[in-house]
Amino acid sequence: MSQGDGFPDLLANYLDDAVRLATEFGICTRVLITTPPREASRGPLRVVRQRLVDDRQTLELTVAAENWT
């Protein structure tokens, strides 16, 4: 599973798995956590967005908790 630019598709992976896979590909990661406005969600974090940052060497992973209630 990879995108057209050769980077792995990490969407919906658990954060730990996504970081491990990116590291295996030799890619640095930056993690952003998103939460609902009123309270933090619970549960394991999953990747909900990924994008290659301007340096073309770092994959930015936006993650959210699996449980929203």
C-alpha atoms as a PDB file:
ATOM      1  CA  MET A   1       0.000   0.000   0.000  1.00  0.00           C
ATOM      2  CA  SER A   2       1.641   3.197  -1.127  1.00  0.00           C
ATOM      3  CA  GLN A   3       0.687   6.506  -2.629  1.00  0.00           C
ATOM      4  CA  GLY A   4       1.832   7.530  -6.070  1.00  0.00           C
ATOM      5  CA  ASP A   5       4.836   9.352  -4.614  1.00  0.00           C
ATOM      6  CA  GLY A   6       6.201   6.167  -3.049  1.00  0.00           C
ATOM      7  CA  PHE A   7       5.119   6.922   0.499  1.00  0.00           C
ATOM      8  CA  PRO A   8       3.047   4.306   2.330  1.00  0.00           C
ATOM      9  CA  ASP A   9      -0.689   4.827   2.787  1.00  0.00           C
ATOM     10  CA  LEU A  10      -1.019   4.894   6.571  1.00  0.00           C
ATOM     11  CA  LEU A  11      -4.640   6.026   6.873  1.00  0.00           C
ATOM     12  CA  ALA A  12      -6.668   4.228   9.573  1.00  0.00           C
ATOM     13  CA  ASN A  13      -3.552   2.600  11.039  1.00  0.00           C
ATOM     14  CA  TYR A  14      -2.909   2.831  14.758  1.00  0.00           C
ATOM     15  CA  LEU A  15      -0.345   5.538  15.487  1.00  0.00           C
ATOM     16  CA  ASP A  16       2.331   3.129  16.735  1.00  0.00           C
ATOM     17  CA  ASP A  17       1.969   0.963  13.626  1.00  0.00           C
ATOM     18  CA  ALA A  18       2.018   3.980  11.303  1.00  0.00           C
ATOM     19  CA  VAL A  19       5.201   5.386  12.845  1.00  0.00           C
ATOM     20  CA  ARG A  20       6.868   1.965  12.702  1.00  0.00           C
ATOM     21  CA  LEU A  21       5.931   1.504   9.023  1.00  0.00           C
ATOM     22  CA  ALA A  22       7.138   5.003   8.118  1.00  0.00           C
ATOM     23  CA  THR A  23      10.431   4.337   9.907  1.00  0.00           C
ATOM     24  CA  GLU A  24      10.853   1.086   7.960  1.00  0.00           C
ATOM     25  CA  PHE A  25      10.510   3.162   4.762  1.00  0.00           C
ATOM     26  CA  GLY A  26      13.119   5.605   6.081  1.00  0.00           C
ATOM     27  CA  ILE A  27      10.571   8.404   6.479  1.00  0.00           C
ATOM     28  CA  CYS A  28      10.512  10.872   9.364  1.00  0.00           C
ATOM     29  CA  THR A  29       7.134  11.574  10.941  1.00  0.00           C
ATOM     30  CA  ARG A  30       5.481  14.502  12.659  1.00  0.00           C
ATOM     31  CA  VAL A  31       2.315  13.802  14.658  1.00  0.00           C
ATOM     32  CA  LEU A  32      -0.628  16.168  15.128  1.00  0.00           C
ATOM     33  CA  ILE A  33      -3.450  15.158  17.463  1.00  0.00           C
ATOM     34  CA  THR A  34      -6.986  16.349  16.781  1.00  0.00           C
ATOM     35  CA  THR A  35      -9.810  16.224  19.323  1.00  0.00           C
ATOM     36  CA  PRO A  36     -13.444  17.339  19.535  1.00  0.00           C
ATOM     37  CA  PRO A  37     -13.850  20.903  20.833  1.00  0.00           C
ATOM     38  CA  ARG A  38     -15.386  20.095  24.212  1.00  0.00           C
ATOM     39  CA  GLU A  39     -13.403  17.178  25.582  1.00  0.00           C
ATOM     40  CA  ALA A  40     -10.623  14.844  24.666  1.00  0.00           C
ATOM     41  CA  SER A  41     -11.598  11.531  23.171  1.00  0.00           C
ATOM     42  CA  ARG A  42     -10.454   8.229  24.570  1.00  0.00           C
ATOM     43  CA  GLY A  43      -8.968   5.131  23.131  1.00  0.00           C
ATOM     44  CA  PRO A  44      -6.098   4.341  20.810  1.00  0.00           C
ATOM     45  CA  LEU A  45      -5.036   6.902  18.226  1.00  0.00           C
ATOM     46  CA  ARG A  46      -5.577   6.248  14.507  1.00  0.00           C
ATOM     47  CA  VAL A  47      -4.280   8.137  11.485  1.00  0.00           C
ATOM     48  CA  VAL A  48      -7.055  10.235   9.913  1.00  0.00           C
ATOM     49  CA  ARG A  49      -4.880  12.327   7.563  1.00  0.00           C
ATOM     50  CA  GLN A  50      -1.400  12.193   6.163  1.00  0.00           C
ATOM     51  CA  ARG A  51       0.529  14.649   4.067  1.00  0.00           C
ATOM     52  CA  LEU A  52       4.064  15.129   2.913  1.00  0.00           C
ATOM     53  CA  VAL A  53       5.493  18.355   4.336  1.00  0.00           C
ATOM     54  CA  ASP A  54       7.499  20.853   2.316  1.00  0.00           C
ATOM     55  CA  ASP A  55      10.875  19.245   2.969  1.00  0.00           C
ATOM     56  CA  ARG A  56       9.594  16.105   1.127  1.00  0.00           C
ATOM     57  CA  GLN A  57      11.286  13.989   3.814  1.00  0.00           C
ATOM     58  CA  THR A  58       8.699  14.192   6.601  1.00  0.00           C
ATOM     59  CA  LEU A  59       5.240  12.671   6.666  1.00  0.00           C
ATOM     60  CA  GLU A  60       2.787  14.600   8.831  1.00  0.00           C
ATOM     61  CA  LEU A  61       0.265  12.283  10.481  1.00  0.00           C
ATOM     62  CA  THR A  62      -2.917  13.725  11.951  1.00  0.00           C
ATOM     63  CA  VAL A  63      -4.399  11.309  14.467  1.00  0.00           C
ATOM     64  CA  ALA A  64      -7.644  11.079  16.447  1.00  0.00           C
ATOM     65  CA  ALA A  65      -8.830   8.821  19.216  1.00  0.00           C
ATOM     66  CA  GLU A  66     -10.735   5.775  18.069  1.00  0.00           C
ATOM     67  CA  ASN A  67     -13.611   6.338  20.533  1.00  0.00           C
ATOM     68  CA  TRP A  68     -15.576   9.591  20.197  1.00  0.00           C
ATOM     69  CA  THR A  69     -17.999   9.099  23.083  1.00  0.00           C
END
